[in-house]
Amino acid sequence: MEIKHIPYFLLAFLSGVALRSFFDIHNNAVFLMLGTLMGILVIFYLQFKYLNIFIFLIIIFLLGALRFSVFENNVAEDQLHLHYGKTAILSGMVISSELKQNSSRLVLETDLGRILVIKRIYPEYKYGEKLEVRGEILEPKPYGEFDVKKYLAKDKIYAEMLFPEIKKINYEPPNKILSILFGFKEKFVKNLNSILPAPHSSLASGMLLGREGVLEEGILDAFRRTGTIHILVLSGYNITIVGFFLMAILGFLPEFVAWAGAIAGIILFTLMTGAEPAAVRAALMAIVGLLAFRTGRLKSTMLALLWAATAMILWNPMYLRFDRGFQLSFLATLGLILLASRFEKIFRFLPKIFGIRESASATLSAQIFVVPLLISWGNFVSYLSPVANILIVAAVPAVMLFSFLGGIFALISLWLGKFIALPAYFLVTYQIFIAEFLANV
């Protein structure tokens, strides 16, 4: 085997995971095929070079399918699925919480496994709080054609409970570092809601943290119709655009220093917004995208992207099909690697000040690869989507920068935070106007 074959082996593994995510393949059949191929390989290893490579590719493909099966079988470690339809009293620790349009979602880590609790918006609960819930343990049901059960299974959640009785027991965070990070994040979100009015605070929170909070359906629909709803999903797409913006702001420094400063900014941002797995994955993809732009070496950066994706999928194979943030990050980064440098030459007429040229190049490059994904999610995408993305996404770095700084400085003074976040307010107003206008054209 040669180094040049590595990308094909990585793609074979990812393809095996992808196929298995759509079709049930019995493990015995996979083991039978693996054993047969290994036998053929032993017999003909030194005789037919290309046959050996082909067999290796199929073996790695089957290993990808097997990895998905092994992860999917984690349900055996969960006890809650044995109690579907039963009313029970469970106690567990909050490991994540998310505010939705008309409800709040908690994930509880109990002795029997993880469970998704859908509750009323208030009262709010935070990471580390131990709760007692009483309600019916339910099996997650499909939402249309979307497989909710497998979507939740990627986070090792196999059961849900709707609007149970909840009683707080105590507060015992098991991880002090995570407790500090989540505590900072909760304070930051509260500051954001204090310095920006609705719906601006929800949109800014969506761009920064991937959690849009409470947004009017009309505004959400406008972003869906213009193909810009992806800015509210935490992904490498948003963070890469911010990276380009930071590189442009630091453009007066040597190129390597500006690039290193952008990477440092991404890492700092990730830590200060909770360092959740989705944020870490997005940051990793963003760094690969910036690496591609910095080096201009197509082969090496493509290989880096494949290694990063394979490592994430090896860790959790369900990300490939059921994690929208991962899908956005991968495709947007792929677009940046393949097209950003070309579009930058086309956009030579645009000024470099404030990263306008770089942002336009990055936005259009990513958009070409992201639009098919958005359509596959069931979003109607307007023919004006490319225009909407350039106009709306161009403002994303500044919105994220000023709302982030505003939220940080609000820790010192609320009025100072409001003053710093003022540009973010006007830019979000502009984004809403463009989305609603183009959605109705």
Protein backbone atom coordinates (compact mmCIF):
# COMPACT_ATOMS: atom_id res chain seq x y z
CA MET A 1 0.00 0.00 0.00
CA GLU A 2 1.18 3.54 -0.81
CA ILE A 3 0.50 6.91 0.82
CA LYS A 4 -1.40 8.06 -2.28
CA HIS A 5 -4.04 5.40 -1.54
CA ILE A 6 -4.88 6.82 1.93
CA PRO A 7 -7.67 9.21 0.72
CA TYR A 8 -9.42 6.29 -0.99
CA PHE A 9 -9.28 4.21 2.20
CA LEU A 10 -10.71 7.11 4.24
CA LEU A 11 -13.50 7.60 1.70
CA ALA A 12 -14.21 3.86 1.77
CA PHE A 13 -14.65 3.97 5.56
CA LEU A 14 -16.95 7.01 5.37
CA SER A 15 -18.96 5.38 2.57
CA GLY A 16 -19.44 2.24 4.67
CA VAL A 17 -20.75 4.31 7.57
CA ALA A 18 -23.04 6.28 5.22
CA LEU A 19 -24.55 3.18 3.60
CA ARG A 20 -25.12 1.48 6.97
CA SER A 21 -26.90 4.58 8.30
CA PHE A 22 -29.62 4.07 5.67
CA PHE A 23 -29.86 0.28 5.57
CA ASP A 24 -29.88 -2.41 8.25
CA ILE A 25 -27.14 -4.94 7.54
CA HIS A 26 -26.84 -7.92 9.88
CA ASN A 27 -23.46 -8.11 11.61
CA ASN A 28 -23.13 -11.80 10.76
CA ALA A 29 -23.28 -10.97 7.06
CA VAL A 30 -20.58 -8.30 7.51
CA PHE A 31 -18.33 -10.72 9.42
CA LEU A 32 -18.86 -13.38 6.74
CA MET A 33 -17.84 -10.98 3.98
CA LEU A 34 -14.86 -9.76 6.00
CA GLY A 35 -13.67 -13.33 6.60
CA THR A 36 -14.05 -14.24 2.93
CA LEU A 37 -12.16 -11.16 1.75
CA MET A 38 -9.38 -11.68 4.30
CA GLY A 39 -8.98 -15.24 3.02
CA ILE A 40 -8.78 -14.06 -0.59
CA LEU A 41 -6.26 -11.41 0.43
CA VAL A 42 -4.01 -13.96 2.14
CA ILE A 43 -4.07 -16.24 -0.90
CA PHE A 44 -3.43 -13.62 -3.60
CA TYR A 45 -1.56 -10.92 -1.62
CA LEU A 46 1.73 -11.08 -3.56
CA GLN A 47 0.23 -11.85 -6.98
CA PHE A 48 -2.25 -9.13 -7.93
CA LYS A 49 -1.43 -5.60 -6.72
CA TYR A 50 -4.64 -3.89 -7.85
CA LEU A 51 -6.82 -6.75 -6.65
CA ASN A 52 -5.22 -6.37 -3.21
CA ILE A 53 -5.99 -2.64 -3.17
CA PHE A 54 -9.58 -3.28 -4.23
CA ILE A 55 -10.05 -5.91 -1.51
CA PHE A 56 -8.54 -3.56 1.10
CA LEU A 57 -11.04 -0.88 0.05
CA ILE A 58 -13.97 -3.27 0.47
CA ILE A 59 -12.65 -4.44 3.86
CA ILE A 60 -12.38 -0.86 5.11
CA PHE A 61 -15.85 -0.14 3.67
CA LEU A 62 -17.24 -3.07 5.68
CA LEU A 63 -15.38 -1.90 8.80
CA GLY A 64 -17.14 1.45 8.42
CA ALA A 65 -20.52 -0.31 8.29
CA LEU A 66 -19.53 -2.41 11.30
CA ARG A 67 -18.50 0.66 13.29
CA PHE A 68 -21.98 2.12 12.79
CA SER A 69 -23.58 -1.14 13.91
CA VAL A 70 -21.44 -1.31 17.04
CA PHE A 71 -22.36 2.26 17.99
CA GLU A 72 -26.03 1.65 17.25
CA ASN A 73 -25.97 -1.38 19.53
CA ASN A 74 -25.10 0.90 22.46
CA VAL A 75 -28.81 0.72 23.16
CA ALA A 76 -27.96 -2.53 24.96
CA GLU A 77 -26.26 -0.43 27.66
CA ASP A 78 -29.44 1.62 28.09
CA GLN A 79 -32.19 0.39 30.40
CA LEU A 80 -34.82 3.02 29.70
CA HIS A 81 -35.88 1.43 26.40
CA LEU A 82 -37.07 -1.57 28.44
CA HIS A 83 -39.67 0.65 30.14
CA TYR A 84 -41.38 2.31 27.16
CA GLY A 85 -44.99 3.18 27.98
CA LYS A 86 -44.48 2.97 31.76
CA THR A 87 -44.87 5.83 34.23
CA ALA A 88 -41.77 6.17 36.38
CA ILE A 89 -39.94 8.43 38.79
CA LEU A 90 -36.36 9.08 37.66
CA SER A 91 -33.58 11.11 39.18
CA GLY A 92 -30.65 12.36 37.16
CA MET A 93 -28.27 15.19 36.42
CA VAL A 94 -28.81 17.85 33.76
CA ILE A 95 -26.06 17.53 31.16
CA SER A 96 -27.53 19.96 28.60
CA SER A 97 -30.44 22.32 28.18
CA GLU A 98 -31.89 24.16 25.19
CA LEU A 99 -34.67 26.71 24.81
CA LYS A 100 -37.09 26.19 21.91
CA GLN A 101 -40.03 28.16 20.52
CA ASN A 102 -42.70 26.89 22.94
CA SER A 103 -40.76 24.58 25.22
CA SER A 104 -37.43 23.78 26.84
CA ARG A 105 -35.41 20.59 26.38
CA LEU A 106 -33.25 18.95 29.01
CA VAL A 107 -31.05 15.89 28.74
CA LEU A 108 -30.85 13.98 32.01
CA GLU A 109 -28.15 11.42 32.83
CA THR A 110 -29.89 8.83 34.99
CA ASP A 111 -28.81 5.45 36.38
CA LEU A 112 -30.87 3.79 33.63
CA GLY A 113 -29.51 5.89 30.76
CA ARG A 114 -30.00 9.29 29.17
CA ILE A 115 -33.47 10.70 28.61
CA LEU A 116 -34.71 13.77 26.76
CA VAL A 117 -37.14 15.77 28.89
CA ILE A 118 -39.42 18.23 27.08
CA LYS A 119 -40.83 20.76 29.54
CA ARG A 120 -42.31 24.21 29.79
CA ILE A 121 -39.92 27.10 29.22
CA TYR A 122 -39.79 28.02 32.90
CA PRO A 123 -38.29 27.31 35.37
CA GLU A 124 -34.86 26.96 33.77
CA TYR A 125 -32.32 24.37 34.88
CA LYS A 126 -28.57 24.32 34.34
CA TYR A 127 -25.74 21.83 33.92
CA GLY A 128 -25.01 19.90 37.12
CA GLU A 129 -28.43 20.26 38.74
CA LYS A 130 -29.93 17.00 39.96
CA LEU A 131 -33.65 16.65 39.24
CA GLU A 132 -36.40 14.18 39.98
CA VAL A 133 -38.91 13.74 37.14
CA ARG A 134 -42.18 11.80 37.10
CA GLY A 135 -43.85 10.89 33.82
CA GLU A 136 -44.26 8.33 31.08
CA ILE A 137 -41.11 6.96 29.43
CA LEU A 138 -41.69 7.18 25.68
CA GLU A 139 -40.00 5.80 22.61
CA PRO A 140 -38.97 8.67 20.25
CA LYS A 141 -41.32 8.74 17.26
CA PRO A 142 -40.44 9.72 13.66
CA TYR A 143 -41.22 13.28 12.61
CA GLY A 144 -42.46 12.89 9.04
CA GLU A 145 -39.63 11.12 7.24
CA PHE A 146 -37.06 12.19 9.81
CA ASP A 147 -35.80 9.40 12.08
CA VAL A 148 -35.91 11.14 15.48
CA LYS A 149 -34.90 7.95 17.31
CA LYS A 150 -31.59 7.63 15.48
CA TYR A 151 -31.05 11.38 15.62
CA LEU A 152 -31.23 11.22 19.43
CA ALA A 153 -29.22 7.99 19.49
CA LYS A 154 -26.17 9.88 18.20
CA ASP A 155 -26.08 11.46 21.67
CA LYS A 156 -26.87 8.12 23.34
CA ILE A 157 -30.44 9.17 24.12
CA TYR A 158 -33.00 6.41 23.63
CA ALA A 159 -36.07 7.68 25.48
CA GLU A 160 -38.04 10.85 26.11
CA MET A 161 -40.50 12.23 28.62
CA LEU A 162 -43.06 14.92 27.78
CA PHE A 163 -43.93 17.64 30.31
CA PRO A 164 -43.31 15.58 33.46
CA GLU A 165 -43.52 16.72 37.05
CA ILE A 166 -40.08 18.08 37.99
CA LYS A 167 -38.50 18.59 41.39
CA LYS A 168 -35.02 19.96 41.96
CA ILE A 169 -32.95 17.87 44.38
CA ASN A 170 -29.54 19.56 44.54
CA TYR A 171 -26.61 20.89 42.53
CA GLU A 172 -23.56 18.65 42.19
CA PRO A 173 -21.62 19.22 38.96
CA PRO A 174 -19.29 16.24 38.37
CA ASN A 175 -16.85 18.18 36.22
CA LYS A 176 -15.65 21.50 37.66
CA ILE A 177 -14.14 22.73 34.39
CA LEU A 178 -17.32 21.99 32.41
CA SER A 179 -19.36 23.55 35.19
CA ILE A 180 -17.33 26.77 34.91
CA LEU A 181 -17.60 26.81 31.11
CA PHE A 182 -21.36 26.14 31.12
CA GLY A 183 -21.86 28.68 33.90
CA PHE A 184 -20.04 31.29 31.85
CA LYS A 185 -22.08 30.36 28.80
CA GLU A 186 -25.39 30.73 30.68
CA LYS A 187 -24.30 34.11 32.01
CA PHE A 188 -23.24 35.12 28.52
CA VAL A 189 -26.65 34.15 27.05
CA LYS A 190 -28.44 36.14 29.77
CA ASN A 191 -26.25 39.13 29.02
CA LEU A 192 -27.02 38.78 25.32
CA ASN A 193 -30.76 38.84 26.09
CA SER A 194 -30.22 41.95 28.22
CA ILE A 195 -28.18 43.98 25.73
CA LEU A 196 -30.17 43.07 22.59
CA PRO A 197 -33.96 43.01 22.24
CA ALA A 198 -35.90 40.11 20.72
CA PRO A 199 -35.64 38.85 18.02
CA HIS A 200 -32.12 40.28 17.67
CA SER A 201 -30.80 38.47 20.74
CA SER A 202 -32.16 35.11 19.49
CA LEU A 203 -30.58 35.57 16.06
CA ALA A 204 -27.25 36.63 17.56
CA SER A 205 -27.37 33.64 19.91
CA GLY A 206 -28.10 31.37 16.95
CA MET A 207 -25.06 32.66 15.05
CA LEU A 208 -22.79 32.44 18.09
CA LEU A 209 -24.02 29.29 19.80
CA GLY A 210 -26.31 27.51 17.36
CA ARG A 211 -29.33 28.06 19.62
CA GLU A 212 -31.87 30.46 18.16
CA GLY A 213 -34.07 30.52 21.24
CA VAL A 214 -37.53 31.99 20.70
CA LEU A 215 -37.98 33.29 17.15
CA GLU A 216 -41.17 34.21 15.33
CA GLU A 217 -42.12 31.59 12.75
CA GLY A 218 -42.32 34.32 10.08
CA ILE A 219 -38.67 35.26 10.58
CA LEU A 220 -37.53 31.62 10.63
CA ASP A 221 -39.49 30.98 7.44
CA ALA A 222 -37.84 33.97 5.72
CA PHE A 223 -34.38 32.58 6.51
CA ARG A 224 -35.46 29.12 5.31
CA ARG A 225 -36.86 30.43 2.01
CA THR A 226 -33.71 32.42 1.27
CA GLY A 227 -31.44 29.47 2.06
CA THR A 228 -29.77 31.29 4.96
CA ILE A 229 -31.17 29.29 7.87
CA HIS A 230 -27.76 27.61 8.17
CA ILE A 231 -26.36 30.70 9.92
CA LEU A 232 -28.39 29.61 12.99
CA VAL A 233 -26.73 26.18 13.13
CA LEU A 234 -23.42 26.05 14.96
CA SER A 235 -20.99 24.82 12.30
CA GLY A 236 -17.59 25.37 10.81
CA TYR A 237 -19.38 27.53 8.24
CA ASN A 238 -20.02 30.40 10.65
CA ILE A 239 -16.73 30.04 12.48
CA THR A 240 -14.70 29.90 9.26
CA ILE A 241 -16.30 33.14 8.05
CA VAL A 242 -15.30 34.71 11.38
CA GLY A 243 -11.78 33.32 10.90
CA PHE A 244 -11.53 35.04 7.52
CA PHE A 245 -12.79 38.25 9.10
CA LEU A 246 -10.14 38.06 11.84
CA MET A 247 -7.43 37.41 9.25
CA ALA A 248 -8.54 40.50 7.35
CA ILE A 249 -8.64 42.64 10.51
CA LEU A 250 -5.10 41.46 11.35
CA GLY A 251 -4.00 42.01 7.76
CA PHE A 252 -1.50 44.70 8.76
CA LEU A 253 0.55 41.97 10.48
CA PRO A 254 2.72 39.36 8.70
CA GLU A 255 0.52 36.74 6.99
CA PHE A 256 1.49 33.89 9.31
CA VAL A 257 0.85 36.03 12.41
CA ALA A 258 -2.60 37.03 11.09
CA TRP A 259 -3.43 33.38 10.38
CA ALA A 260 -2.22 32.28 13.84
CA GLY A 261 -4.24 35.11 15.41
CA ALA A 262 -7.38 33.90 13.61
CA ILE A 263 -6.79 30.33 14.86
CA ALA A 264 -6.24 31.63 18.42
CA GLY A 265 -9.46 33.65 18.14
CA ILE A 266 -11.40 30.54 17.07
CA ILE A 267 -10.02 28.50 19.99
CA LEU A 268 -10.77 31.29 22.48
CA PHE A 269 -14.29 31.68 21.10
CA THR A 270 -14.88 27.92 21.40
CA LEU A 271 -13.75 27.84 25.02
CA MET A 272 -15.72 30.92 26.03
CA THR A 273 -18.97 29.61 24.54
CA GLY A 274 -18.95 26.35 26.49
CA ALA A 275 -16.61 24.12 24.46
CA GLU A 276 -19.52 21.79 23.68
CA PRO A 277 -18.80 18.89 21.27
CA ALA A 278 -20.63 20.65 18.42
CA ALA A 279 -18.53 23.79 18.95
CA VAL A 280 -15.29 21.80 19.08
CA ARG A 281 -16.17 19.97 15.84
CA ALA A 282 -17.08 23.24 14.16
CA ALA A 283 -13.83 24.84 15.30
CA LEU A 284 -11.80 21.92 13.98
CA MET A 285 -13.44 22.17 10.56
CA ALA A 286 -12.94 25.94 10.55
CA ILE A 287 -9.23 25.53 11.27
CA VAL A 288 -8.94 23.09 8.36
CA GLY A 289 -10.67 25.66 6.13
CA LEU A 290 -8.29 28.41 7.17
CA LEU A 291 -5.37 26.04 6.65
CA ALA A 292 -6.56 25.48 3.08
CA PHE A 293 -6.79 29.21 2.44
CA ARG A 294 -3.42 29.87 4.06
CA THR A 295 -1.41 27.20 2.25
CA GLY A 296 -3.29 26.96 -1.04
CA ARG A 297 -2.25 23.28 -1.21
CA LEU A 298 -5.29 21.42 -2.45
CA LYS A 299 -4.12 17.84 -1.87
CA SER A 300 -2.78 18.33 1.65
CA THR A 301 -5.82 20.25 2.86
CA MET A 302 -8.24 17.77 1.28
CA LEU A 303 -6.40 15.01 3.11
CA ALA A 304 -6.55 17.01 6.35
CA LEU A 305 -10.32 17.43 5.89
CA LEU A 306 -10.77 13.70 5.28
CA TRP A 307 -8.69 12.80 8.34
CA ALA A 308 -10.67 15.25 10.51
CA ALA A 309 -14.00 13.89 9.24
CA THR A 310 -12.88 10.27 9.64
CA ALA A 311 -11.70 10.88 13.21
CA MET A 312 -15.07 12.44 14.14
CA ILE A 313 -17.05 9.66 12.45
CA LEU A 314 -14.89 6.98 14.04
CA TRP A 315 -15.72 8.53 17.42
CA ASN A 316 -19.44 8.82 16.64
CA PRO A 317 -20.55 7.38 13.26
CA MET A 318 -24.05 8.83 13.59
CA TYR A 319 -22.69 12.33 13.03
CA LEU A 320 -22.45 11.58 9.32
CA ARG A 321 -26.19 11.34 8.73
CA PHE A 322 -27.83 12.80 11.83
CA ASP A 323 -25.70 15.81 12.84
CA ARG A 324 -26.56 18.84 10.73
CA GLY A 325 -23.74 20.89 12.20
CA PHE A 326 -21.21 18.26 11.06
CA GLN A 327 -22.76 18.10 7.58
CA LEU A 328 -22.69 21.88 7.20
CA SER A 329 -19.14 22.09 8.51
CA PHE A 330 -17.82 19.40 6.18
CA LEU A 331 -19.49 20.66 3.00
CA ALA A 332 -18.73 24.32 3.69
CA THR A 333 -15.08 23.51 4.38
CA LEU A 334 -14.95 21.40 1.21
CA GLY A 335 -16.30 24.36 -0.75
CA LEU A 336 -13.68 26.66 0.76
CA ILE A 337 -10.86 24.26 -0.11
CA LEU A 338 -11.96 23.80 -3.71
CA LEU A 339 -13.31 27.21 -4.68
CA ALA A 340 -12.34 30.05 -2.29
CA SER A 341 -9.04 30.94 -3.98
CA ARG A 342 -10.72 30.96 -7.40
CA PHE A 343 -13.54 33.22 -6.28
CA GLU A 344 -11.06 35.58 -4.64
CA LYS A 345 -9.51 36.14 -8.09
CA ILE A 346 -12.95 36.72 -9.60
CA PHE A 347 -13.81 39.21 -6.82
CA ARG A 348 -10.68 41.31 -7.34
CA PHE A 349 -12.94 44.32 -7.88
CA LEU A 350 -14.08 44.11 -4.22
CA PRO A 351 -12.00 45.91 -1.58
CA LYS A 352 -10.01 43.92 0.97
CA ILE A 353 -10.87 46.33 3.81
CA PHE A 354 -12.78 44.65 6.66
CA GLY A 355 -12.36 41.33 4.86
CA ILE A 356 -15.07 42.15 2.29
CA ARG A 357 -13.36 40.28 -0.56
CA GLU A 358 -12.41 37.28 1.57
CA SER A 359 -15.88 37.03 3.13
CA ALA A 360 -17.60 37.19 -0.27
CA SER A 361 -15.28 34.49 -1.66
CA ALA A 362 -15.74 32.23 1.35
CA THR A 363 -19.52 32.73 1.44
CA LEU A 364 -20.12 31.89 -2.22
CA SER A 365 -17.68 28.95 -2.16
CA ALA A 366 -19.41 27.39 0.84
CA GLN A 367 -22.88 28.19 -0.47
CA ILE A 368 -22.41 26.18 -3.66
CA PHE A 369 -21.82 23.05 -1.60
CA VAL A 370 -24.33 23.82 1.17
CA VAL A 371 -27.46 24.55 -0.94
CA PRO A 372 -28.06 20.88 -1.95
CA LEU A 373 -27.89 19.95 1.74
CA LEU A 374 -30.44 22.61 2.67
CA ILE A 375 -32.78 21.33 -0.03
CA SER A 376 -32.37 17.77 1.29
CA TRP A 377 -33.53 19.04 4.70
CA GLY A 378 -36.84 20.00 3.10
CA ASN A 379 -36.12 23.73 2.88
CA PHE A 380 -37.45 25.62 -0.12
CA VAL A 381 -34.46 27.54 -1.49
CA SER A 382 -35.10 30.63 -3.59
CA TYR A 383 -33.28 31.29 -6.86
CA LEU A 384 -32.08 34.42 -5.07
CA SER A 385 -30.36 32.31 -2.41
CA PRO A 386 -26.80 33.08 -3.63
CA VAL A 387 -27.56 36.82 -3.48
CA ALA A 388 -29.22 36.45 -0.07
CA ASN A 389 -26.23 34.54 1.27
CA ILE A 390 -23.71 37.12 0.10
CA LEU A 391 -25.78 39.97 1.57
CA ILE A 392 -26.75 38.24 4.83
CA VAL A 393 -23.71 36.08 5.58
CA ALA A 394 -21.41 39.02 4.87
CA ALA A 395 -22.73 40.59 8.07
CA VAL A 396 -22.32 37.42 10.17
CA PRO A 397 -18.69 38.05 11.27
CA ALA A 398 -19.47 41.56 12.49
CA VAL A 399 -22.68 40.41 14.23
CA MET A 400 -20.79 37.63 15.98
CA LEU A 401 -17.89 39.91 16.91
CA PHE A 402 -19.91 42.80 18.35
CA SER A 403 -22.52 40.63 20.07
CA PHE A 404 -19.75 38.46 21.54
CA LEU A 405 -17.83 41.49 22.80
CA GLY A 406 -21.05 43.06 24.05
CA GLY A 407 -21.92 39.93 26.02
CA ILE A 408 -18.42 39.82 27.53
CA PHE A 409 -18.27 43.49 28.50
CA ALA A 410 -21.79 43.30 29.94
CA LEU A 411 -20.18 41.31 32.73
CA ILE A 412 -18.54 44.61 33.73
CA SER A 413 -21.29 47.04 32.83
CA LEU A 414 -24.65 46.41 31.18
CA TRP A 415 -24.62 49.84 29.55
CA LEU A 416 -21.14 49.28 28.18
CA GLY A 417 -22.28 45.95 26.75
CA LYS A 418 -25.29 47.61 25.10
CA PHE A 419 -23.09 50.29 23.56
CA ILE A 420 -20.61 47.76 22.14
CA ALA A 421 -23.43 45.56 20.81
CA LEU A 422 -25.12 48.49 19.03
CA PRO A 423 -23.54 47.64 15.62
CA ALA A 424 -24.80 44.06 16.02
CA TYR A 425 -28.34 45.40 16.57
CA PHE A 426 -28.30 47.40 13.33
CA LEU A 427 -26.69 44.55 11.37
CA VAL A 428 -29.25 41.99 12.57
CA THR A 429 -32.02 44.46 11.64
CA TYR A 430 -30.45 44.62 8.18
CA GLN A 431 -30.26 40.79 7.96
CA ILE A 432 -33.94 40.40 8.91
CA PHE A 433 -34.95 43.04 6.34
CA ILE A 434 -32.97 41.37 3.53
CA ALA A 435 -34.28 37.90 4.41
CA GLU A 436 -37.93 39.02 4.54
CA PHE A 437 -37.61 41.12 1.38
CA LEU A 438 -35.97 38.42 -0.74
CA ALA A 439 -38.25 35.70 0.65
CA ASN A 440 -41.21 37.53 -0.85
CA VAL A 441 -39.67 38.43 -4.22
